[in-house]
Amino acid sequence: MDNSAKSATLDPNLSRRFYSALTAGKEDLFLVLEEPSVEVMRAALRNPALDDNHLLAVLKRRDLSEEFLRGVCRLDIFAKSHSLKVAMAHNPATPGNLLSAILPHLYLFALVAICY
């Protein structure tokens, strides 16, 4: 399929939402991350305004896909943040292999809270 056919099938509303996900400011990004579309949420992970607070808010959602959670784990801010690792461990959609990689980085009381 050539590029003209691909661009002709892209929904204008979806392209606006992608653009918004990539360029939204800090406050607007919270609204973008409530998006039901996984593709738009994955695009928001590339937004330069994304920070810990955005990810903590989104990790409370129970409807996240495994590929989105894997994308969050690949972010530099995830590797540096203990609170993001705890939030990821609490999310029931976190795949087992990611959870087993996160658990050694958690403190004792965080592990107790997860087990409880």
Protein backbone atom coordinates (compact mmCIF):
# COMPACT_ATOMS: atom_id res chain seq x y z
CA MET A 1 0.00 0.00 0.00
CA ASP A 2 1.50 3.39 -0.94
CA ASN A 3 1.66 6.46 1.31
CA SER A 4 -1.23 8.26 -0.39
CA ALA A 5 -3.56 5.33 0.34
CA LYS A 6 -2.42 5.21 3.97
CA SER A 7 -2.97 8.92 4.52
CA ALA A 8 -6.37 8.77 2.83
CA THR A 9 -7.61 6.16 5.32
CA LEU A 10 -6.42 8.03 8.44
CA ASP A 11 -9.37 9.43 10.34
CA PRO A 12 -9.06 13.24 10.76
CA ASN A 13 -10.35 13.02 14.33
CA LEU A 14 -7.77 10.36 15.16
CA SER A 15 -4.97 12.42 13.62
CA ARG A 16 -6.02 15.44 15.73
CA ARG A 17 -5.91 13.25 18.83
CA PHE A 18 -2.43 11.98 17.87
CA TYR A 19 -1.23 15.54 17.38
CA SER A 20 -2.72 16.55 20.71
CA ALA A 21 -1.02 13.59 22.43
CA LEU A 22 2.36 14.62 21.05
CA THR A 23 2.09 18.38 21.68
CA ALA A 24 -0.15 18.81 24.75
CA GLY A 25 1.07 20.82 27.70
CA LYS A 26 1.39 19.47 31.22
CA GLU A 27 -2.24 20.14 32.20
CA ASP A 28 -3.77 19.01 28.90
CA LEU A 29 -1.73 15.83 28.94
CA PHE A 30 -3.82 14.52 31.86
CA LEU A 31 -6.88 14.69 29.59
CA VAL A 32 -5.04 12.98 26.73
CA LEU A 33 -4.03 10.11 29.01
CA GLU A 34 -7.71 9.41 29.76
CA GLU A 35 -8.09 8.49 26.09
CA PRO A 36 -9.56 5.04 25.42
CA SER A 37 -7.38 4.56 22.31
CA VAL A 38 -4.16 2.67 23.10
CA GLU A 39 -2.41 4.15 20.06
CA VAL A 40 -3.06 7.71 21.23
CA MET A 41 -1.87 6.87 24.73
CA ARG A 42 1.33 5.33 23.33
CA ALA A 43 1.87 8.52 21.33
CA ALA A 44 1.51 10.51 24.57
CA LEU A 45 4.48 8.59 25.98
CA ARG A 46 6.63 10.49 23.47
CA ASN A 47 5.38 13.89 24.65
CA PRO A 48 8.24 15.97 26.13
CA ALA A 49 5.91 17.32 28.86
CA LEU A 50 5.29 13.81 30.26
CA ASP A 51 6.40 13.45 33.88
CA ASP A 52 5.95 11.22 36.94
CA ASN A 53 2.58 12.69 37.88
CA HIS A 54 1.09 11.86 34.48
CA LEU A 55 2.32 8.28 34.65
CA LEU A 56 1.16 7.82 38.24
CA ALA A 57 -2.32 8.96 37.21
CA VAL A 58 -2.45 6.65 34.20
CA LEU A 59 -1.11 3.61 36.09
CA LYS A 60 -4.20 3.72 38.30
CA ARG A 61 -6.28 2.68 35.30
CA ARG A 62 -7.24 -0.99 35.20
CA ASP A 63 -7.82 -1.16 31.44
CA LEU A 64 -4.23 -0.69 30.26
CA SER A 65 -2.77 -3.03 27.67
CA GLU A 66 0.43 -4.99 28.20
CA GLU A 67 2.14 -3.22 25.31
CA PHE A 68 1.36 0.18 26.83
CA LEU A 69 2.79 -0.96 30.17
CA ARG A 70 5.90 -2.24 28.40
CA GLY A 71 6.24 1.18 26.77
CA VAL A 72 6.05 2.86 30.17
CA CYS A 73 8.78 0.55 31.49
CA ARG A 74 11.08 1.60 28.64
CA LEU A 75 10.95 5.29 29.66
CA ASP A 76 13.93 6.87 31.41
CA ILE A 77 11.70 8.49 34.03
CA PHE A 78 10.34 5.07 34.94
CA ALA A 79 13.83 3.72 35.62
CA LYS A 80 14.56 6.63 37.98
CA SER A 81 11.29 6.66 39.93
CA HIS A 82 10.53 4.33 42.81
CA SER A 83 6.90 5.49 43.03
CA LEU A 84 6.32 4.56 39.37
CA LYS A 85 7.70 1.08 40.01
CA VAL A 86 5.35 0.66 42.96
CA ALA A 87 2.38 1.87 40.88
CA MET A 88 3.33 -0.52 38.07
CA ALA A 89 3.53 -3.42 40.52
CA HIS A 90 0.05 -2.57 41.87
CA ASN A 91 -1.51 -2.53 38.40
CA PRO A 92 -3.23 -5.91 37.75
CA ALA A 93 -2.51 -5.73 34.00
CA THR A 94 1.27 -5.75 34.50
CA PRO A 95 2.70 -8.85 32.82
CA GLY A 96 4.54 -11.33 35.03
CA ASN A 97 7.94 -10.85 33.42
CA LEU A 98 7.80 -7.08 33.99
CA LEU A 99 6.61 -7.59 37.53
CA SER A 100 9.47 -9.98 38.27
CA ALA A 101 11.92 -7.37 36.97
CA ILE A 102 10.37 -4.65 39.16
CA LEU A 103 10.03 -6.58 42.45
CA PRO A 104 13.75 -6.57 43.39
CA HIS A 105 13.71 -2.75 43.25
CA LEU A 106 10.87 -2.35 45.76
CA TYR A 107 11.19 -1.71 49.47
CA LEU A 108 9.91 -4.16 52.05
CA PHE A 109 6.72 -2.28 52.93
CA ALA A 110 5.83 -1.84 49.26
CA LEU A 111 6.18 -5.61 48.84
CA VAL A 112 3.98 -6.21 51.88
CA ALA A 113 1.33 -3.85 50.48
CA ILE A 114 1.36 -5.68 47.16
CA CYS A 115 1.05 -9.07 48.84
CA TYR A 116 -1.75 -7.84 51.07
